[in-house]
Each structure stands twice: as structure tokens, then as C-alpha cells.
Protein backbone atom coordinates (compact mmCIF):
# COMPACT_ATOMS: atom_id res chain seq x y z
CA MET A 1 11.31 19.20 -28.75
CA ARG A 2 14.28 17.15 -26.31
CA ASP A 3 13.61 18.51 -23.17
CA THR A 4 9.36 17.54 -23.62
CA ILE A 5 11.36 13.65 -23.97
CA GLN A 6 12.92 14.42 -20.96
CA ASP A 7 9.46 15.82 -19.27
CA GLU A 8 7.85 12.98 -20.52
CA LYS A 9 10.42 10.76 -18.85
CA PHE A 10 10.80 12.42 -16.26
CA PHE A 11 6.92 11.49 -15.39
CA GLU A 12 6.74 8.52 -16.42
CA ASN A 13 9.30 7.63 -14.13
CA ARG A 14 7.44 9.50 -10.88
CA ILE A 15 3.44 7.58 -12.03
CA ASN A 16 5.69 3.66 -11.57
CA GLU A 17 7.26 5.49 -8.67
CA THR A 18 3.55 6.37 -7.45
CA GLU A 19 2.40 3.75 -7.87
CA ASP A 20 4.66 1.62 -6.95
CA PHE A 21 3.95 2.99 -3.52
CA ILE A 22 0.74 2.56 -3.64
CA SER A 23 0.89 -0.31 -3.96
CA LYS A 24 3.12 -1.25 -1.28
CA TRP A 25 0.97 1.29 1.18
CA LYS A 26 -1.80 -0.97 -0.61
CA THR A 27 -0.36 -4.18 0.81
CA TYR A 28 0.49 -3.20 4.44
CA LEU A 29 -2.95 -2.10 5.16
CA SER A 30 -4.24 -5.55 4.14
CA GLU A 31 -1.88 -6.90 6.06
CA ASP A 32 -2.57 -4.46 9.46
CA ARG A 33 -5.85 -5.05 8.61
CA GLU A 34 -4.92 -9.13 9.05
CA LYS A 35 -3.40 -8.49 12.25
CA LYS A 36 -5.98 -6.20 14.18
CA HIS A 37 -8.77 -8.62 12.40
CA GLY A 38 -6.53 -11.92 14.64
CA MET A 39 -6.40 -10.28 17.50
CA GLU A 40 -10.66 -9.74 17.66
CA LEU A 41 -11.05 -12.33 17.31
CA THR A 42 -8.44 -13.48 19.77
CA ARG A 43 -10.23 -10.65 22.02
CA ALA A 44 -13.50 -12.53 20.82
CA SER A 45 -12.62 -15.33 22.62
CA GLN A 46 -11.12 -14.41 25.78
CA TYR A 47 -14.67 -13.21 26.38
CA CYS A 48 -16.42 -16.07 25.31
CA ARG A 49 -14.56 -18.55 28.50
């Protein structure tokens, strides 16, 4: 019986770690996309001159 409780705790921790990892990736990707978008805008403005 104790094993299942420990397993549940283990999986809970793993799920939390995975969710943290995913949220970090999401923020990283959105920041990266904003940077790329900014670069594209500056590149476009250079062509327009």
C-alpha cells in the first residue's frame, strides 16, 4: 500500500517538472518569435529606404 502512495508522489513530481519545462519552453519560444519578428521588421524597413 505504501508503494502506491510513493509512486503517486513520484508521478506528481514528474508531472509538475514536465509542466514547468513546457511553460519555460513556451515563454522561450514566444520571446524568440518576438525577436525574429523584430528583426524582420528592421530588415523590411531597411529595404523600404
